[in-house]
Structures are given as C-alpha cells and as structure tokens.
PDB file of N, CA and C in Angstrom:
ATOM      1  N   MET A   1      24.581  12.979 -24.660  1.00  0.00           N
ATOM      2  CA  MET A   1      24.097  12.565 -25.956  1.00  0.00           C
ATOM      3  C   MET A   1      23.560  11.136 -25.844  1.00  0.00           C
ATOM      4  N   ALA A   2      22.439  10.902 -26.460  1.00  0.00           N
ATOM      5  CA  ALA A   2      21.802   9.593 -26.387  1.00  0.00           C
ATOM      6  C   ALA A   2      22.540   8.586 -27.255  1.00  0.00           C
ATOM      7  N   LEU A   3      22.572   7.368 -26.771  1.00  0.00           N
ATOM      8  CA  LEU A   3      23.221   6.296 -27.526  1.00  0.00           C
ATOM      9  C   LEU A   3      22.253   5.709 -28.548  1.00  0.00           C
ATOM     10  N   THR A   4      22.808   5.266 -29.646  1.00  0.00           N
ATOM     11  CA  THR A   4      21.976   4.587 -30.636  1.00  0.00           C
ATOM     12  C   THR A   4      21.716   3.174 -30.139  1.00  0.00           C
ATOM     13  N   PRO A   5      20.709   2.510 -30.676  1.00  0.00           N
ATOM     14  CA  PRO A   5      20.463   1.128 -30.264  1.00  0.00           C
ATOM     15  C   PRO A   5      21.663   0.210 -30.486  1.00  0.00           C
ATOM     16  N   ALA A   6      22.409   0.442 -31.562  1.00  0.00           N
ATOM     17  CA  ALA A   6      23.590  -0.384 -31.825  1.00  0.00           C
ATOM     18  C   ALA A   6      24.660  -0.169 -30.757  1.00  0.00           C
ATOM     19  N   GLU A   7      24.839   1.082 -30.316  1.00  0.00           N
ATOM     20  CA  GLU A   7      25.821   1.362 -29.265  1.00  0.00           C
ATOM     21  C   GLU A   7      25.394   0.747 -27.931  1.00  0.00           C
ATOM     22  N   LYS A   8      24.118   0.808 -27.640  1.00  0.00           N
ATOM     23  CA  LYS A   8      23.620   0.182 -26.411  1.00  0.00           C
ATOM     24  C   LYS A   8      23.855  -1.320 -26.444  1.00  0.00           C
ATOM     25  N   GLN A   9      23.591  -1.924 -27.591  1.00  0.00           N
ATOM     26  CA  GLN A   9      23.776  -3.368 -27.713  1.00  0.00           C
ATOM     27  C   GLN A   9      25.255  -3.745 -27.579  1.00  0.00           C
ATOM     28  N   ARG A  10      26.137  -2.950 -28.179  1.00  0.00           N
ATOM     29  CA  ARG A  10      27.572  -3.217 -28.075  1.00  0.00           C
ATOM     30  C   ARG A  10      28.025  -3.131 -26.625  1.00  0.00           C
ATOM     31  N   ARG A  11      27.567  -2.102 -25.894  1.00  0.00           N
ATOM     32  CA  ARG A  11      27.939  -1.978 -24.486  1.00  0.00           C
ATOM     33  C   ARG A  11      27.391  -3.135 -23.655  1.00  0.00           C
ATOM     34  N   TYR A  12      26.187  -3.547 -23.975  1.00  0.00           N
ATOM     35  CA  TYR A  12      25.591  -4.671 -23.257  1.00  0.00           C
ATOM     36  C   TYR A  12      26.413  -5.939 -23.477  1.00  0.00           C
ATOM     37  N   ARG A  13      26.790  -6.195 -24.704  1.00  0.00           N
ATOM     38  CA  ARG A  13      27.599  -7.382 -24.995  1.00  0.00           C
ATOM     39  C   ARG A  13      28.965  -7.311 -24.328  1.00  0.00           C
ATOM     40  N   GLU A  14      29.547  -6.126 -24.261  1.00  0.00           N
ATOM     41  CA  GLU A  14      30.834  -5.968 -23.578  1.00  0.00           C
ATOM     42  C   GLU A  14      30.695  -6.259 -22.084  1.00  0.00           C
ATOM     43  N   ARG A  15      29.605  -5.818 -21.509  1.00  0.00           N
ATOM     44  CA  ARG A  15      29.379  -6.108 -20.089  1.00  0.00           C
ATOM     45  C   ARG A  15      29.213  -7.604 -19.849  1.00  0.00           C
ATOM     46  N   LEU A  16      28.512  -8.276 -20.752  1.00  0.00           N
ATOM     47  CA  LEU A  16      28.341  -9.713 -20.611  1.00  0.00           C
ATOM     48  C   LEU A  16      29.675 -10.446 -20.719  1.00  0.00           C
ATOM     49  N   LYS A  17      30.514 -10.039 -21.663  1.00  0.00           N
ATOM     50  CA  LYS A  17      31.826 -10.676 -21.834  1.00  0.00           C
ATOM     51  C   LYS A  17      32.723 -10.420 -20.624  1.00  0.00           C
ATOM     52  N   ALA A  18      32.607  -9.243 -20.042  1.00  0.00           N
ATOM     53  CA  ALA A  18      33.449  -8.900 -18.896  1.00  0.00           C
ATOM     54  C   ALA A  18      32.982  -9.619 -17.631  1.00  0.00           C
ATOM     55  N   GLY A  19      31.846 -10.251 -17.681  1.00  0.00           N
ATOM     56  CA  GLY A  19      31.352 -10.973 -16.516  1.00  0.00           C
ATOM     57  C   GLY A  19      30.724 -10.081 -15.476  1.00  0.00           C
ATOM     58  N   ALA A  20      30.287  -8.918 -15.871  1.00  0.00           N
ATOM     59  CA  ALA A  20      29.628  -8.005 -14.935  1.00  0.00           C
ATOM     60  C   ALA A  20      28.330  -8.642 -14.445  1.00  0.00           C
ATOM     61  N   PRO A  21      28.060  -8.550 -13.162  1.00  0.00           N
ATOM     62  CA  PRO A  21      26.832  -9.162 -12.647  1.00  0.00           C
ATOM     63  C   PRO A  21      25.589  -8.455 -13.183  1.00  0.00           C
ATOM     64  N   ARG A  22      24.590  -9.251 -13.484  1.00  0.00           N
ATOM     65  CA  ARG A  22      23.312  -8.689 -13.927  1.00  0.00           C
ATOM     66  C   ARG A  22      22.501  -8.316 -12.708  1.00  0.00           C
ATOM     67  N   LEU A  23      21.910  -7.189 -12.786  1.00  0.00           N
ATOM     68  CA  LEU A  23      21.063  -6.735 -11.685  1.00  0.00           C
ATOM     69  C   LEU A  23      19.605  -6.786 -12.130  1.00  0.00           C
ATOM     70  N   ASP A  24      18.954  -7.872 -11.829  1.00  0.00           N
ATOM     71  CA  ASP A  24      17.526  -7.996 -12.087  1.00  0.00           C
ATOM     72  C   ASP A  24      16.811  -7.864 -10.748  1.00  0.00           C
ATOM     73  N   ILE A  25      16.545  -6.653 -10.381  1.00  0.00           N
ATOM     74  CA  ILE A  25      15.900  -6.408  -9.099  1.00  0.00           C
ATOM     75  C   ILE A  25      14.426  -6.162  -9.364  1.00  0.00           C
ATOM     76  N   ARG A  26      13.623  -7.084  -8.884  1.00  0.00           N
ATOM     77  CA  ARG A  26      12.185  -6.946  -9.023  1.00  0.00           C
ATOM     78  C   ARG A  26      11.579  -6.977  -7.622  1.00  0.00           C
ATOM     79  N   PRO A  27      10.551  -6.208  -7.447  1.00  0.00           N
ATOM     80  CA  PRO A  27       9.897  -6.274  -6.135  1.00  0.00           C
ATOM     81  C   PRO A  27       9.246  -7.646  -5.966  1.00  0.00           C
ATOM     82  N   PRO A  28       9.208  -8.144  -4.759  1.00  0.00           N
ATOM     83  CA  PRO A  28       8.579  -9.451  -4.553  1.00  0.00           C
ATOM     84  C   PRO A  28       7.087  -9.383  -4.869  1.00  0.00           C
ATOM     85  N   ARG A  29       6.583 -10.455  -5.450  1.00  0.00           N
ATOM     86  CA  ARG A  29       5.166 -10.510  -5.806  1.00  0.00           C
ATOM     87  C   ARG A  29       4.321 -10.721  -4.560  1.00  0.00           C
ATOM     88  N   ASP A  30       3.216 -10.079  -4.554  1.00  0.00           N
ATOM     89  CA  ASP A  30       2.266 -10.264  -3.469  1.00  0.00           C
ATOM     90  C   ASP A  30       1.423 -11.478  -3.825  1.00  0.00           C
ATOM     91  N   ARG A  31       1.587 -12.561  -3.118  1.00  0.00           N
ATOM     92  CA  ARG A  31       0.925 -13.815  -3.459  1.00  0.00           C
ATOM     93  C   ARG A  31      -0.383 -14.034  -2.691  1.00  0.00           C
ATOM     94  N   ARG A  32      -0.806 -13.001  -1.959  1.00  0.00           N
ATOM     95  CA  ARG A  32      -2.074 -13.129  -1.245  1.00  0.00           C
ATOM     96  C   ARG A  32      -3.237 -13.016  -2.232  1.00  0.00           C
ATOM     97  N   SER A  33      -4.324 -13.676  -1.924  1.00  0.00           N
ATOM     98  CA  SER A  33      -5.516 -13.564  -2.757  1.00  0.00           C
ATOM     99  C   SER A  33      -6.131 -12.181  -2.565  1.00  0.00           C
ATOM    100  N   ARG A  34      -6.985 -11.791  -3.491  1.00  0.00           N
ATOM    101  CA  ARG A  34      -7.638 -10.487  -3.361  1.00  0.00           C
ATOM    102  C   ARG A  34      -8.485 -10.398  -2.096  1.00  0.00           C
ATOM    103  N   PRO A  35      -9.255 -11.441  -1.762  1.00  0.00           N
ATOM    104  CA  PRO A  35      -9.997 -11.341  -0.495  1.00  0.00           C
ATOM    105  C   PRO A  35      -9.083 -11.189   0.720  1.00  0.00           C
ATOM    106  N   GLN A  36      -7.933 -11.859   0.717  1.00  0.00           N
ATOM    107  CA  GLN A  36      -7.006 -11.719   1.841  1.00  0.00           C
ATOM    108  C   GLN A  36      -6.408 -10.320   1.873  1.00  0.00           C
ATOM    109  N   ARG A  37      -6.077  -9.779   0.702  1.00  0.00           N
ATOM    110  CA  ARG A  37      -5.556  -8.413   0.650  1.00  0.00           C
ATOM    111  C   ARG A  37      -6.608  -7.428   1.161  1.00  0.00           C
ATOM    112  N   TRP A  38      -7.902  -7.669   0.819  1.00  0.00           N
ATOM    113  CA  TRP A  38      -8.993  -6.831   1.310  1.00  0.00           C
ATOM    114  C   TRP A  38      -9.050  -6.876   2.838  1.00  0.00           C
ATOM    115  N   ARG A  39      -9.029  -8.097   3.395  1.00  0.00           N
ATOM    116  CA  ARG A  39      -9.105  -8.232   4.853  1.00  0.00           C
ATOM    117  C   ARG A  39      -7.908  -7.562   5.520  1.00  0.00           C
ATOM    118  N   ASP A  40      -6.725  -7.702   4.945  1.00  0.00           N
ATOM    119  CA  ASP A  40      -5.532  -7.069   5.515  1.00  0.00           C
ATOM    120  C   ASP A  40      -5.632  -5.544   5.460  1.00  0.00           C
ATOM    121  N   ALA A  41      -6.159  -5.017   4.348  1.00  0.00           N
ATOM    122  CA  ALA A  41      -6.294  -3.564   4.210  1.00  0.00           C
ATOM    123  C   ALA A  41      -7.305  -3.020   5.215  1.00  0.00           C
ATOM    124  N   VAL A  42      -8.417  -3.720   5.388  1.00  0.00           N
ATOM    125  CA  VAL A  42      -9.424  -3.279   6.353  1.00  0.00           C
ATOM    126  C   VAL A  42      -8.867  -3.349   7.777  1.00  0.00           C
ATOM    127  N   ALA A  43      -8.093  -4.387   8.061  1.00  0.00           N
ATOM    128  CA  ALA A  43      -7.482  -4.495   9.390  1.00  0.00           C
ATOM    129  C   ALA A  43      -6.507  -3.340   9.632  1.00  0.00           C
ATOM    130  N   GLU A  44      -5.763  -2.963   8.609  1.00  0.00           N
ATOM    131  CA  GLU A  44      -4.836  -1.829   8.736  1.00  0.00           C
ATOM    132  C   GLU A  44      -5.611  -0.530   8.968  1.00  0.00           C
ATOM    133  N   LEU A  45      -6.711  -0.346   8.223  1.00  0.00           N
ATOM    134  CA  LEU A  45      -7.544   0.843   8.443  1.00  0.00           C
ATOM    135  C   LEU A  45      -8.092   0.875   9.861  1.00  0.00           C
ATOM    136  N   HIS A  46      -8.517  -0.274  10.356  1.00  0.00           N
ATOM    137  CA  HIS A  46      -9.047  -0.348  11.714  1.00  0.00           C
ATOM    138  C   HIS A  46      -7.964   0.017  12.739  1.00  0.00           C
ATOM    139  N   ALA A  47      -6.750  -0.485  12.537  1.00  0.00           N
ATOM    140  CA  ALA A  47      -5.651  -0.160  13.451  1.00  0.00           C
ATOM    141  C   ALA A  47      -5.324   1.335  13.410  1.00  0.00           C
ATOM    142  N   LEU A  48      -5.318   1.913  12.217  1.00  0.00           N
ATOM    143  CA  LEU A  48      -5.062   3.354  12.110  1.00  0.00           C
ATOM    144  C   LEU A  48      -6.173   4.160  12.764  1.00  0.00           C
ATOM    145  N   GLN A  49      -7.417   3.722  12.581  1.00  0.00           N
ATOM    146  CA  GLN A  49      -8.527   4.432  13.193  1.00  0.00           C
ATOM    147  C   GLN A  49      -8.411   4.399  14.721  1.00  0.00           C
ATOM    148  N   GLU A  50      -8.001   3.252  15.275  1.00  0.00           N
ATOM    149  CA  GLU A  50      -7.816   3.166  16.723  1.00  0.00           C
ATOM    150  C   GLU A  50      -6.705   4.111  17.195  1.00  0.00           C
ATOM    151  N   HIS A  51      -5.635   4.195  16.408  1.00  0.00           N
ATOM    152  CA  HIS A  51      -4.543   5.120  16.749  1.00  0.00           C
ATOM    153  C   HIS A  51      -5.051   6.563  16.748  1.00  0.00           C
ATOM    154  N   TYR A  52      -5.822   6.922  15.703  1.00  0.00           N
ATOM    155  CA  TYR A  52      -6.349   8.280  15.632  1.00  0.00           C
ATOM    156  C   TYR A  52      -7.367   8.532  16.733  1.00  0.00           C
ATOM    157  N   ARG A  53      -8.128   7.514  17.114  1.00  0.00           N
ATOM    158  CA  ARG A  53      -9.082   7.674  18.218  1.00  0.00           C
ATOM    159  C   ARG A  53      -8.319   7.995  19.512  1.00  0.00           C
ATOM    160  N   HIS A  54      -7.209   7.310  19.726  1.00  0.00           N
ATOM    161  CA  HIS A  54      -6.379   7.592  20.899  1.00  0.00           C
ATOM    162  C   HIS A  54      -5.833   9.022  20.844  1.00  0.00           C
ATOM    163  N   CYS A  55      -5.396   9.439  19.651  1.00  0.00           N
ATOM    164  CA  CYS A  55      -4.888  10.817  19.505  1.00  0.00           C
ATOM    165  C   CYS A  55      -5.990  11.833  19.784  1.00  0.00           C
ATOM    166  N   LEU A  56      -7.211  11.505  19.371  1.00  0.00           N
ATOM    167  CA  LEU A  56      -8.323  12.426  19.593  1.00  0.00           C
ATOM    168  C   LEU A  56      -8.707  12.492  21.066  1.00  0.00           C
ATOM    169  N   ASP A  57      -8.552  11.385  21.776  1.00  0.00           N
ATOM    170  CA  ASP A  57      -8.896  11.356  23.202  1.00  0.00           C
ATOM    171  C   ASP A  57      -7.886  12.100  24.064  1.00  0.00           C
ATOM    172  N   THR A  58      -6.653  12.217  23.591  1.00  0.00           N
ATOM    173  CA  THR A  58      -5.612  12.838  24.410  1.00  0.00           C
ATOM    174  C   THR A  58      -4.868  13.953  23.671  1.00  0.00           C
ATOM    175  N   PRO A  59      -5.589  14.898  23.040  1.00  0.00           N
ATOM    176  CA  PRO A  59      -4.851  15.968  22.348  1.00  0.00           C
ATOM    177  C   PRO A  59      -4.500  17.092  23.319  1.00  0.00           C
ATOM    178  N   PRO A  60      -3.511  17.860  22.979  1.00  0.00           N
ATOM    179  CA  PRO A  60      -3.260  19.076  23.760  1.00  0.00           C
ATOM    180  C   PRO A  60      -4.470  20.014  23.625  1.00  0.00           C
ATOM    181  N   ASP A  61      -4.728  20.779  24.641  1.00  0.00           N
ATOM    182  CA  ASP A  61      -5.911  21.661  24.644  1.00  0.00           C
ATOM    183  C   ASP A  61      -5.907  22.636  23.473  1.00  0.00           C
ATOM    184  N   ALA A  62      -4.748  23.055  23.053  1.00  0.00           N
ATOM    185  CA  ALA A  62      -4.664  24.033  21.967  1.00  0.00           C
ATOM    186  C   ALA A  62      -5.120  23.434  20.632  1.00  0.00           C
ATOM    187  N   LEU A  63      -5.113  22.109  20.490  1.00  0.00           N
ATOM    188  CA  LEU A  63      -5.457  21.493  19.210  1.00  0.00           C
ATOM    189  C   LEU A  63      -6.884  20.971  19.154  1.00  0.00           C
ATOM    190  N   CYS A  64      -7.615  21.046  20.236  1.00  0.00           N
ATOM    191  CA  CYS A  64      -8.951  20.448  20.285  1.00  0.00           C
ATOM    192  C   CYS A  64      -9.907  21.035  19.250  1.00  0.00           C
ATOM    193  N   ASP A  65      -9.987  22.339  19.166  1.00  0.00           N
ATOM    194  CA  ASP A  65     -10.972  22.982  18.283  1.00  0.00           C
ATOM    195  C   ASP A  65     -10.338  23.521  17.011  1.00  0.00           C
ATOM    196  N   THR A  66      -9.363  22.821  16.498  1.00  0.00           N
ATOM    197  CA  THR A  66      -8.692  23.257  15.281  1.00  0.00           C
ATOM    198  C   THR A  66      -9.024  22.296  14.138  1.00  0.00           C
ATOM    199  N   LEU A  67      -8.492  22.580  12.983  1.00  0.00           N
ATOM    200  CA  LEU A  67      -8.665  21.713  11.826  1.00  0.00           C
ATOM    201  C   LEU A  67      -8.106  20.322  12.109  1.00  0.00           C
ATOM    202  N   TYR A  68      -7.044  20.260  12.879  1.00  0.00           N
ATOM    203  CA  TYR A  68      -6.450  18.972  13.283  1.00  0.00           C
ATOM    204  C   TYR A  68      -7.476  18.108  14.013  1.00  0.00           C
ATOM    205  N   GLY A  69      -8.144  18.689  14.975  1.00  0.00           N
ATOM    206  CA  GLY A  69      -9.161  17.960  15.730  1.00  0.00           C
ATOM    207  C   GLY A  69     -10.346  17.550  14.865  1.00  0.00           C
ATOM    208  N   GLU A  70     -10.742  18.433  13.945  1.00  0.00           N
ATOM    209  CA  GLU A  70     -11.855  18.112  13.049  1.00  0.00           C
ATOM    210  C   GLU A  70     -11.506  16.939  12.141  1.00  0.00           C
ATOM    211  N   ARG A  71     -10.297  16.910  11.645  1.00  0.00           N
ATOM    212  CA  ARG A  71      -9.887  15.818  10.761  1.00  0.00           C
ATOM    213  C   ARG A  71      -9.765  14.502  11.519  1.00  0.00           C
ATOM    214  N   LEU A  72      -9.253  14.566  12.734  1.00  0.00           N
ATOM    215  CA  LEU A  72      -9.214  13.352  13.555  1.00  0.00           C
ATOM    216  C   LEU A  72     -10.627  12.832  13.809  1.00  0.00           C
ATOM    217  N   GLN A  73     -11.545  13.733  14.099  1.00  0.00           N
ATOM    218  CA  GLN A  73     -12.924  13.335  14.352  1.00  0.00           C
ATOM    219  C   GLN A  73     -13.537  12.708  13.101  1.00  0.00           C
ATOM    220  N   ALA A  74     -13.242  13.251  11.933  1.00  0.00           N
ATOM    221  CA  ALA A  74     -13.769  12.702  10.683  1.00  0.00           C
ATOM    222  C   ALA A  74     -13.265  11.271  10.465  1.00  0.00           C
ATOM    223  N   ILE A  75     -12.005  11.011  10.788  1.00  0.00           N
ATOM    224  CA  ILE A  75     -11.448   9.665  10.641  1.00  0.00           C
ATOM    225  C   ILE A  75     -12.092   8.714  11.632  1.00  0.00           C
ATOM    226  N   VAL A  76     -12.275   9.173  12.852  1.00  0.00           N
ATOM    227  CA  VAL A  76     -12.873   8.325  13.892  1.00  0.00           C
ATOM    228  C   VAL A  76     -14.332   8.012  13.558  1.00  0.00           C
ATOM    229  N   ASP A  77     -15.036   8.932  12.892  1.00  0.00           N
ATOM    230  CA  ASP A  77     -16.451   8.747  12.581  1.00  0.00           C
ATOM    231  C   ASP A  77     -16.706   7.779  11.427  1.00  0.00           C
ATOM    232  N   VAL A  78     -15.691   7.437  10.652  1.00  0.00           N
ATOM    233  CA  VAL A  78     -15.877   6.519   9.525  1.00  0.00           C
ATOM    234  C   VAL A  78     -16.246   5.138  10.060  1.00  0.00           C
ATOM    235  N   ASP A  79     -17.253   4.521   9.446  1.00  0.00           N
ATOM    236  CA  ASP A  79     -17.743   3.217   9.902  1.00  0.00           C
ATOM    237  C   ASP A  79     -16.950   2.099   9.219  1.00  0.00           C
ATOM    238  N   ILE A  80     -15.881   1.676   9.841  1.00  0.00           N
ATOM    239  CA  ILE A  80     -15.037   0.616   9.283  1.00  0.00           C
ATOM    240  C   ILE A  80     -15.657  -0.747   9.539  1.00  0.00           C
ATOM    241  N   GLU A  81     -16.557  -0.841  10.495  1.00  0.00           N
ATOM    242  CA  GLU A  81     -17.230  -2.113  10.770  1.00  0.00           C
ATOM    243  C   GLU A  81     -17.963  -2.607   9.526  1.00  0.00           C
ATOM    244  N   THR A  82     -18.545  -1.691   8.760  1.00  0.00           N
ATOM    245  CA  THR A  82     -19.232  -2.069   7.531  1.00  0.00           C
ATOM    246  C   THR A  82     -18.256  -2.698   6.544  1.00  0.00           C
ATOM    247  N   LEU A  83     -17.069  -2.136   6.450  1.00  0.00           N
ATOM    248  CA  LEU A  83     -16.061  -2.701   5.546  1.00  0.00           C
ATOM    249  C   LEU A  83     -15.643  -4.098   5.994  1.00  0.00           C
ATOM    250  N   GLN A  84     -15.592  -4.327   7.303  1.00  0.00           N
ATOM    251  CA  GLN A  84     -15.189  -5.634   7.802  1.00  0.00           C
ATOM    252  C   GLN A  84     -16.222  -6.700   7.466  1.00  0.00           C
ATOM    253  N   GLU A  85     -17.484  -6.309   7.332  1.00  0.00           N
ATOM    254  CA  GLU A  85     -18.538  -7.263   7.031  1.00  0.00           C
ATOM    255  C   GLU A  85     -18.566  -7.665   5.562  1.00  0.00           C
ATOM    256  N   ILE A  86     -17.984  -6.863   4.692  1.00  0.00           N
ATOM    257  CA  ILE A  86     -18.011  -7.136   3.258  1.00  0.00           C
ATOM    258  C   ILE A  86     -17.030  -8.249   2.923  1.00  0.00           C
ATOM    259  N   GLU A  87     -17.504  -9.227   2.178  1.00  0.00           N
ATOM    260  CA  GLU A  87     -16.640 -10.292   1.675  1.00  0.00           C
ATOM    261  C   GLU A  87     -16.539 -10.094   0.164  1.00  0.00           C
ATOM    262  N   PRO A  88     -15.379  -9.679  -0.338  1.00  0.00           N
ATOM    263  CA  PRO A  88     -15.268  -9.409  -1.771  1.00  0.00           C
ATOM    264  C   PRO A  88     -15.399 -10.692  -2.589  1.00  0.00           C
ATOM    265  N   PRO A  89     -15.800 -10.565  -3.854  1.00  0.00           N
ATOM    266  CA  PRO A  89     -15.948 -11.749  -4.698  1.00  0.00           C
ATOM    267  C   PRO A  89     -14.588 -12.358  -5.024  1.00  0.00           C
ATOM    268  N   ARG A  90     -14.574 -13.669  -5.160  1.00  0.00           N
ATOM    269  CA  ARG A  90     -13.335 -14.347  -5.528  1.00  0.00           C
ATOM    270  C   ARG A  90     -13.132 -14.276  -7.037  1.00  0.00           C
ATOM    271  N   GLY A  91     -14.209 -14.211  -7.792  1.00  0.00           N
ATOM    272  CA  GLY A  91     -14.128 -14.009  -9.226  1.00  0.00           C
ATOM    273  C   GLY A  91     -14.094 -15.289 -10.038  1.00  0.00           C
ATOM    274  N   TYR A  92     -14.454 -15.151 -11.287  1.00  0.00           N
ATOM    275  CA  TYR A  92     -14.390 -16.223 -12.293  1.00  0.00           C
ATOM    276  C   TYR A  92     -15.171 -17.461 -11.848  1.00  0.00           C
ATOM    277  N   GLY A  93     -16.339 -17.269 -11.252  1.00  0.00           N
ATOM    278  CA  GLY A  93     -17.203 -18.381 -10.895  1.00  0.00           C
ATOM    279  C   GLY A  93     -16.782 -19.190  -9.688  1.00  0.00           C
ATOM    280  N   ARG A  94     -15.851 -18.704  -8.898  1.00  0.00           N
ATOM    281  CA  ARG A  94     -15.370 -19.449  -7.731  1.00  0.00           C
ATOM    282  C   ARG A  94     -16.071 -19.043  -6.451  1.00  0.00           C
ATOM    283  N   ASP A  95     -17.179 -18.340  -6.556  1.00  0.00           N
ATOM    284  CA  ASP A  95     -17.872 -17.804  -5.378  1.00  0.00           C
ATOM    285  C   ASP A  95     -18.880 -18.769  -4.792  1.00  0.00           C
ATOM    286  N   THR A  96     -18.825 -20.005  -5.124  1.00  0.00           N
ATOM    287  CA  THR A  96     -19.830 -20.951  -4.629  1.00  0.00           C
ATOM    288  C   THR A  96     -19.567 -21.357  -3.211  1.00  0.00           C
TER     289      THR A  96
END
C-alpha cells in the first residue's frame, strides 16, 4: 500500500532524528568540454575500429563469409578519419 505524503514525511523526520546516514549518491559530473568529449568519442571509435579490423584479419574460416564477417567489414569500411578532422563548435560566440 502506498504511503501518503504525510506518512512519508513522518518517516523521513524519524530517520533524521535517529541519525540515519543520508545517501546522496550522484554520478560524478563529466567536466570535459564538448569538443574534448567529441575528440574522446572519436578516439574510442577509432580504437574499436582497429580492434574489429584485427578480428576481420584473423577470423576462423567458418566465419569469413557469414553475417559476422559482413558486419565486421561494414565497421572497418566506415571512414572515421573524416570524424577526426571535424572540430565541433564551442558555442555561444566562443569560436573565434
């Protein structure tokens, strides 16, 4: 059964009086700028593409002509170099 707002408030106050620790768990903020996050994401994509390229170069013979091989080839064929050349805008007139 759901508690009424008054019951929730009473329980909260009882917890505070009892000295129960408060659990304010928040994920840490990402303090990187958007351009830095872009560069990091592109670098991660490049690293994954290299891993998949290695997998494509050394697959078992049974997997070469399967959907697995086709998908690896599609990932390897993506031009990530173009993404590396893009410099995203900093925004709000700070692009000078």
